[in-house]
Amino acid sequence: SKLGFSHGIRLQVTPSVRVFCSKPNL
């Protein structure tokens, strides 16, 4: 994620959760 900070945010997703980004803001 790029949320206006000086660095990007990287999150490790737990194995039981799936994450998708169909659009850059969704």
PDB file of all heavy atoms in Angstrom:
ATOM      1  N   SER A   1       0.834  -1.193   0.000  1.00  0.00           N
ATOM      2  CA  SER A   1       0.000   0.000   0.000  1.00  0.00           C
ATOM      3  C   SER A   1       0.870   1.246   0.000  1.00  0.00           C
ATOM      4  O   SER A   1       1.889   1.301   0.680  1.00  0.00           O
ATOM      5  CB  SER A   1      -0.907   0.040   1.234  1.00  0.00           C
ATOM      6  OG  SER A   1      -1.724  -1.076   1.287  1.00  0.00           O
ATOM      7  N   LYS A   2       0.446   2.249  -0.773  1.00  0.00           N
ATOM      8  CA  LYS A   2       1.055   3.577  -0.730  1.00  0.00           C
ATOM      9  C   LYS A   2      -0.027   4.514  -0.228  1.00  0.00           C
ATOM     10  O   LYS A   2      -1.031   4.729  -0.895  1.00  0.00           O
ATOM     11  CB  LYS A   2       1.528   3.995  -2.116  1.00  0.00           C
ATOM     12  CG  LYS A   2       2.687   3.178  -2.604  1.00  0.00           C
ATOM     13  CD  LYS A   2       3.291   3.771  -3.828  1.00  0.00           C
ATOM     14  CE  LYS A   2       4.504   2.956  -4.224  1.00  0.00           C
ATOM     15  NZ  LYS A   2       5.257   3.583  -5.288  1.00  0.00           N
ATOM     16  N   LEU A   3       0.194   5.035   0.985  1.00  0.00           N
ATOM     17  CA  LEU A   3      -0.855   5.798   1.654  1.00  0.00           C
ATOM     18  C   LEU A   3      -0.407   7.196   2.043  1.00  0.00           C
ATOM     19  O   LEU A   3      -0.877   7.762   3.018  1.00  0.00           O
ATOM     20  CB  LEU A   3      -1.324   5.044   2.904  1.00  0.00           C
ATOM     21  CG  LEU A   3      -1.893   3.657   2.645  1.00  0.00           C
ATOM     22  CD1 LEU A   3      -2.156   2.947   3.952  1.00  0.00           C
ATOM     23  CD2 LEU A   3      -3.164   3.760   1.833  1.00  0.00           C
ATOM     24  N   GLY A   4       0.514   7.775   1.289  1.00  0.00           N
ATOM     25  CA  GLY A   4       0.936   9.140   1.562  1.00  0.00           C
ATOM     26  C   GLY A   4       2.092   9.264   2.531  1.00  0.00           C
ATOM     27  O   GLY A   4       2.508  10.372   2.845  1.00  0.00           O
ATOM     28  N   PHE A   5       2.623   8.156   3.018  1.00  0.00           N
ATOM     29  CA  PHE A   5       3.790   8.203   3.878  1.00  0.00           C
ATOM     30  C   PHE A   5       5.041   8.229   3.010  1.00  0.00           C
ATOM     31  O   PHE A   5       4.988   8.042   1.797  1.00  0.00           O
ATOM     32  CB  PHE A   5       3.823   6.989   4.817  1.00  0.00           C
ATOM     33  CG  PHE A   5       2.638   6.886   5.730  1.00  0.00           C
ATOM     34  CD1 PHE A   5       1.796   5.796   5.663  1.00  0.00           C
ATOM     35  CD2 PHE A   5       2.352   7.890   6.638  1.00  0.00           C
ATOM     36  CE1 PHE A   5       0.704   5.693   6.494  1.00  0.00           C
ATOM     37  CE2 PHE A   5       1.264   7.804   7.480  1.00  0.00           C
ATOM     38  CZ  PHE A   5       0.436   6.706   7.406  1.00  0.00           C
ATOM     39  N   SER A   6       6.206   8.433   3.623  1.00  0.00           N
ATOM     40  CA  SER A   6       7.450   8.475   2.863  1.00  0.00           C
ATOM     41  C   SER A   6       7.873   7.094   2.376  1.00  0.00           C
ATOM     42  O   SER A   6       8.752   6.972   1.535  1.00  0.00           O
ATOM     43  CB  SER A   6       8.566   9.075   3.722  1.00  0.00           C
ATOM     44  OG  SER A   6       8.785   8.271   4.861  1.00  0.00           O
ATOM     45  N   HIS A   7       7.252   6.046   2.897  1.00  0.00           N
ATOM     46  CA  HIS A   7       7.586   4.677   2.512  1.00  0.00           C
ATOM     47  C   HIS A   7       6.301   3.898   2.256  1.00  0.00           C
ATOM     48  O   HIS A   7       5.232   4.268   2.736  1.00  0.00           O
ATOM     49  CB  HIS A   7       8.379   3.997   3.636  1.00  0.00           C
ATOM     50  CG  HIS A   7       7.632   3.952   4.932  1.00  0.00           C
ATOM     51  ND1 HIS A   7       7.478   5.061   5.742  1.00  0.00           N
ATOM     52  CD2 HIS A   7       6.957   2.956   5.544  1.00  0.00           C
ATOM     53  CE1 HIS A   7       6.755   4.739   6.797  1.00  0.00           C
ATOM     54  NE2 HIS A   7       6.418   3.463   6.703  1.00  0.00           N
ATOM     55  N   GLY A   8       6.393   2.845   1.477  1.00  0.00           N
ATOM     56  CA  GLY A   8       5.244   1.984   1.231  1.00  0.00           C
ATOM     57  C   GLY A   8       5.004   1.052   2.411  1.00  0.00           C
ATOM     58  O   GLY A   8       5.914   0.747   3.175  1.00  0.00           O
ATOM     59  N   ILE A   9       3.781   0.588   2.556  1.00  0.00           N
ATOM     60  CA  ILE A   9       3.425  -0.307   3.644  1.00  0.00           C
ATOM     61  C   ILE A   9       3.242  -1.710   3.071  1.00  0.00           C
ATOM     62  O   ILE A   9       2.508  -1.889   2.103  1.00  0.00           O
ATOM     63  CB  ILE A   9       2.139   0.165   4.344  1.00  0.00           C
ATOM     64  CG1 ILE A   9       2.378   1.526   4.975  1.00  0.00           C
ATOM     65  CG2 ILE A   9       1.686  -0.842   5.381  1.00  0.00           C
ATOM     66  CD1 ILE A   9       1.155   2.160   5.537  1.00  0.00           C
ATOM     67  N   ARG A  10       3.920  -2.689   3.669  1.00  0.00           N
ATOM     68  CA  ARG A  10       3.854  -4.074   3.213  1.00  0.00           C
ATOM     69  C   ARG A  10       3.276  -4.913   4.340  1.00  0.00           C
ATOM     70  O   ARG A  10       3.820  -4.933   5.439  1.00  0.00           O
ATOM     71  CB  ARG A  10       5.248  -4.552   2.851  1.00  0.00           C
ATOM     72  CG  ARG A  10       5.310  -5.950   2.367  1.00  0.00           C
ATOM     73  CD  ARG A  10       6.727  -6.293   1.989  1.00  0.00           C
ATOM     74  NE  ARG A  10       6.782  -7.707   1.684  1.00  0.00           N
ATOM     75  CZ  ARG A  10       7.773  -8.495   2.000  1.00  0.00           C
ATOM     76  NH1 ARG A  10       8.818  -8.017   2.618  1.00  0.00           N
ATOM     77  NH2 ARG A  10       7.733  -9.769   1.697  1.00  0.00           N
ATOM     78  N   LEU A  11       2.167  -5.587   4.076  1.00  0.00           N
ATOM     79  CA  LEU A  11       1.511  -6.411   5.080  1.00  0.00           C
ATOM     80  C   LEU A  11       1.505  -7.869   4.640  1.00  0.00           C
ATOM     81  O   LEU A  11       1.126  -8.175   3.511  1.00  0.00           O
ATOM     82  CB  LEU A  11       0.068  -5.953   5.300  1.00  0.00           C
ATOM     83  CG  LEU A  11      -0.128  -4.565   5.899  1.00  0.00           C
ATOM     84  CD1 LEU A  11      -1.588  -4.195   5.869  1.00  0.00           C
ATOM     85  CD2 LEU A  11       0.385  -4.540   7.303  1.00  0.00           C
ATOM     86  N   GLN A  12       1.923  -8.751   5.539  1.00  0.00           N
ATOM     87  CA  GLN A  12       1.874 -10.191   5.278  1.00  0.00           C
ATOM     88  C   GLN A  12       0.471 -10.684   5.622  1.00  0.00           C
ATOM     89  O   GLN A  12      -0.008 -10.475   6.729  1.00  0.00           O
ATOM     90  CB  GLN A  12       2.925 -10.908   6.126  1.00  0.00           C
ATOM     91  CG  GLN A  12       3.020 -12.383   5.862  1.00  0.00           C
ATOM     92  CD  GLN A  12       3.673 -12.676   4.529  1.00  0.00           C
ATOM     93  OE1 GLN A  12       4.523 -11.936   4.072  1.00  0.00           O
ATOM     94  NE2 GLN A  12       3.266 -13.753   3.908  1.00  0.00           N
ATOM     95  N   VAL A  13      -0.178 -11.329   4.679  1.00  0.00           N
ATOM     96  CA  VAL A  13      -1.545 -11.804   4.874  1.00  0.00           C
ATOM     97  C   VAL A  13      -1.500 -13.182   5.521  1.00  0.00           C
ATOM     98  O   VAL A  13      -0.669 -14.018   5.167  1.00  0.00           O
ATOM     99  CB  VAL A  13      -2.278 -11.866   3.511  1.00  0.00           C
ATOM    100  CG1 VAL A  13      -3.705 -12.312   3.694  1.00  0.00           C
ATOM    101  CG2 VAL A  13      -2.223 -10.520   2.825  1.00  0.00           C
ATOM    102  N   THR A  14      -2.406 -13.422   6.481  1.00  0.00           N
ATOM    103  CA  THR A  14      -2.468 -14.741   7.119  1.00  0.00           C
ATOM    104  C   THR A  14      -2.889 -15.794   6.086  1.00  0.00           C
ATOM    105  O   THR A  14      -3.587 -15.476   5.119  1.00  0.00           O
ATOM    106  CB  THR A  14      -3.462 -14.726   8.288  1.00  0.00           C
ATOM    107  OG1 THR A  14      -4.734 -14.323   7.814  1.00  0.00           O
ATOM    108  CG2 THR A  14      -3.006 -13.774   9.373  1.00  0.00           C
ATOM    109  N   PRO A  15      -2.501 -17.061   6.264  1.00  0.00           N
ATOM    110  CA  PRO A  15      -2.786 -18.087   5.255  1.00  0.00           C
ATOM    111  C   PRO A  15      -4.277 -18.340   5.006  1.00  0.00           C
ATOM    112  O   PRO A  15      -4.653 -18.766   3.923  1.00  0.00           O
ATOM    113  CB  PRO A  15      -2.125 -19.341   5.819  1.00  0.00           C
ATOM    114  CG  PRO A  15      -1.117 -18.863   6.780  1.00  0.00           C
ATOM    115  CD  PRO A  15      -1.619 -17.563   7.316  1.00  0.00           C
ATOM    116  N   SER A  16      -5.132 -18.085   5.968  1.00  0.00           N
ATOM    117  CA  SER A  16      -6.558 -18.360   5.781  1.00  0.00           C
ATOM    118  C   SER A  16      -7.304 -17.201   5.111  1.00  0.00           C
ATOM    119  O   SER A  16      -8.498 -17.303   4.868  1.00  0.00           O
ATOM    120  CB  SER A  16      -7.203 -18.669   7.131  1.00  0.00           C
ATOM    121  OG  SER A  16      -7.074 -17.562   7.991  1.00  0.00           O
ATOM    122  N   VAL A  17      -6.608 -16.109   4.788  1.00  0.00           N
ATOM    123  CA  VAL A  17      -7.236 -14.928   4.174  1.00  0.00           C
ATOM    124  C   VAL A  17      -6.624 -14.702   2.802  1.00  0.00           C
ATOM    125  O   VAL A  17      -5.417 -14.824   2.625  1.00  0.00           O
ATOM    126  CB  VAL A  17      -7.032 -13.677   5.062  1.00  0.00           C
ATOM    127  CG1 VAL A  17      -7.631 -12.448   4.413  1.00  0.00           C
ATOM    128  CG2 VAL A  17      -7.628 -13.894   6.436  1.00  0.00           C
ATOM    129  N   ARG A  18      -7.457 -14.390   1.817  1.00  0.00           N
ATOM    130  CA  ARG A  18      -6.986 -14.042   0.469  1.00  0.00           C
ATOM    131  C   ARG A  18      -7.295 -12.575   0.230  1.00  0.00           C
ATOM    132  O   ARG A  18      -8.369 -12.099   0.594  1.00  0.00           O
ATOM    133  CB  ARG A  18      -7.707 -14.878  -0.582  1.00  0.00           C
ATOM    134  CG  ARG A  18      -7.513 -16.365  -0.459  1.00  0.00           C
ATOM    135  CD  ARG A  18      -6.205 -16.796  -1.004  1.00  0.00           C
ATOM    136  NE  ARG A  18      -6.107 -16.380  -2.394  1.00  0.00           N
ATOM    137  CZ  ARG A  18      -5.437 -16.988  -3.317  1.00  0.00           C
ATOM    138  NH1 ARG A  18      -4.791 -18.069  -3.019  1.00  0.00           N
ATOM    139  NH2 ARG A  18      -5.381 -16.540  -4.542  1.00  0.00           N
ATOM    140  N   VAL A  19      -6.375 -11.872  -0.397  1.00  0.00           N
ATOM    141  CA  VAL A  19      -6.550 -10.447  -0.660  1.00  0.00           C
ATOM    142  C   VAL A  19      -6.396 -10.212  -2.157  1.00  0.00           C
ATOM    143  O   VAL A  19      -5.454 -10.710  -2.776  1.00  0.00           O
ATOM    144  CB  VAL A  19      -5.509  -9.609   0.120  1.00  0.00           C
ATOM    145  CG1 VAL A  19      -5.651  -8.150  -0.202  1.00  0.00           C
ATOM    146  CG2 VAL A  19      -5.656  -9.835   1.597  1.00  0.00           C
ATOM    147  N   PHE A  20      -7.332  -9.466  -2.729  1.00  0.00           N
ATOM    148  CA  PHE A  20      -7.297  -9.119  -4.153  1.00  0.00           C
ATOM    149  C   PHE A  20      -7.484  -7.624  -4.295  1.00  0.00           C
ATOM    150  O   PHE A  20      -8.219  -7.010  -3.530  1.00  0.00           O
ATOM    151  CB  PHE A  20      -8.419  -9.830  -4.918  1.00  0.00           C
ATOM    152  CG  PHE A  20      -8.387 -11.326  -4.783  1.00  0.00           C
ATOM    153  CD1 PHE A  20      -9.268 -11.973  -3.939  1.00  0.00           C
ATOM    154  CD2 PHE A  20      -7.474 -12.071  -5.492  1.00  0.00           C
ATOM    155  CE1 PHE A  20      -9.253 -13.344  -3.806  1.00  0.00           C
ATOM    156  CE2 PHE A  20      -7.443 -13.452  -5.363  1.00  0.00           C
ATOM    157  CZ  PHE A  20      -8.338 -14.087  -4.525  1.00  0.00           C
ATOM    158  N   CYS A  21      -6.828  -7.055  -5.285  1.00  0.00           N
ATOM    159  CA  CYS A  21      -7.017  -5.640  -5.624  1.00  0.00           C
ATOM    160  C   CYS A  21      -7.469  -5.584  -7.076  1.00  0.00           C
ATOM    161  O   CYS A  21      -6.661  -5.679  -7.994  1.00  0.00           O
ATOM    162  CB  CYS A  21      -5.733  -4.853  -5.443  1.00  0.00           C
ATOM    163  SG  CYS A  21      -5.229  -4.691  -3.750  1.00  0.00           S
ATOM    164  N   SER A  22      -8.777  -5.432  -7.284  1.00  0.00           N
ATOM    165  CA  SER A  22      -9.286  -5.364  -8.648  1.00  0.00           C
ATOM    166  C   SER A  22      -9.009  -3.998  -9.267  1.00  0.00           C
ATOM    167  O   SER A  22      -8.833  -3.878 -10.469  1.00  0.00           O
ATOM    168  CB  SER A  22     -10.782  -5.668  -8.676  1.00  0.00           C
ATOM    169  OG  SER A  22     -11.475  -4.807  -7.798  1.00  0.00           O
ATOM    170  N   LYS A  23      -8.972  -2.967  -8.450  1.00  0.00           N
ATOM    171  CA  LYS A  23      -8.607  -1.615  -8.873  1.00  0.00           C
ATOM    172  C   LYS A  23      -7.545  -1.115  -7.903  1.00  0.00           C
ATOM    173  O   LYS A  23      -7.425  -1.648  -6.798  1.00  0.00           O
ATOM    174  CB  LYS A  23      -9.822  -0.687  -8.797  1.00  0.00           C
ATOM    175  CG  LYS A  23     -10.941  -1.039  -9.733  1.00  0.00           C
ATOM    176  CD  LYS A  23     -12.066  -0.032  -9.549  1.00  0.00           C
ATOM    177  CE  LYS A  23     -13.254  -0.392 -10.402  1.00  0.00           C
ATOM    178  NZ  LYS A  23     -14.375   0.531 -10.165  1.00  0.00           N
ATOM    179  N   PRO A  24      -6.792  -0.081  -8.263  1.00  0.00           N
ATOM    180  CA  PRO A  24      -5.775   0.420  -7.324  1.00  0.00           C
ATOM    181  C   PRO A  24      -6.354   1.003  -6.035  1.00  0.00           C
ATOM    182  O   PRO A  24      -5.657   1.119  -5.044  1.00  0.00           O
ATOM    183  CB  PRO A  24      -5.057   1.505  -8.115  1.00  0.00           C
ATOM    184  CG  PRO A  24      -5.336   1.217  -9.530  1.00  0.00           C
ATOM    185  CD  PRO A  24      -6.658   0.528  -9.578  1.00  0.00           C
ATOM    186  N   ASN A  25      -7.637   1.366  -6.028  1.00  0.00           N
ATOM    187  CA  ASN A  25      -8.231   1.946  -4.824  1.00  0.00           C
ATOM    188  C   ASN A  25      -9.279   1.034  -4.185  1.00  0.00           C
ATOM    189  O   ASN A  25     -10.083   1.490  -3.391  1.00  0.00           O
ATOM    190  CB  ASN A  25      -8.850   3.302  -5.138  1.00  0.00           C
ATOM    191  CG  ASN A  25     -10.000   3.206  -6.110  1.00  0.00           C
ATOM    192  OD1 ASN A  25     -10.173   2.193  -6.778  1.00  0.00           O
ATOM    193  ND2 ASN A  25     -10.783   4.241  -6.190  1.00  0.00           N
ATOM    194  N   LEU A  26      -9.267  -0.261  -4.520  1.00  0.00           N
ATOM    195  CA  LEU A  26     -10.253  -1.195  -3.986  1.00  0.00           C
ATOM    196  C   LEU A  26      -9.541  -2.453  -3.497  1.00  0.00           C
ATOM    197  O   LEU A  26      -8.825  -3.099  -4.251  1.00  0.00           O
ATOM    198  CB  LEU A  26     -11.269  -1.547  -5.073  1.00  0.00           C
ATOM    199  CG  LEU A  26     -12.494  -2.322  -4.649  1.00  0.00           C
ATOM    200  CD1 LEU A  26     -13.354  -1.471  -3.731  1.00  0.00           C
ATOM    201  CD2 LEU A  26     -13.298  -2.720  -5.864  1.00  0.00           C
TER     202      LEU A  26
END
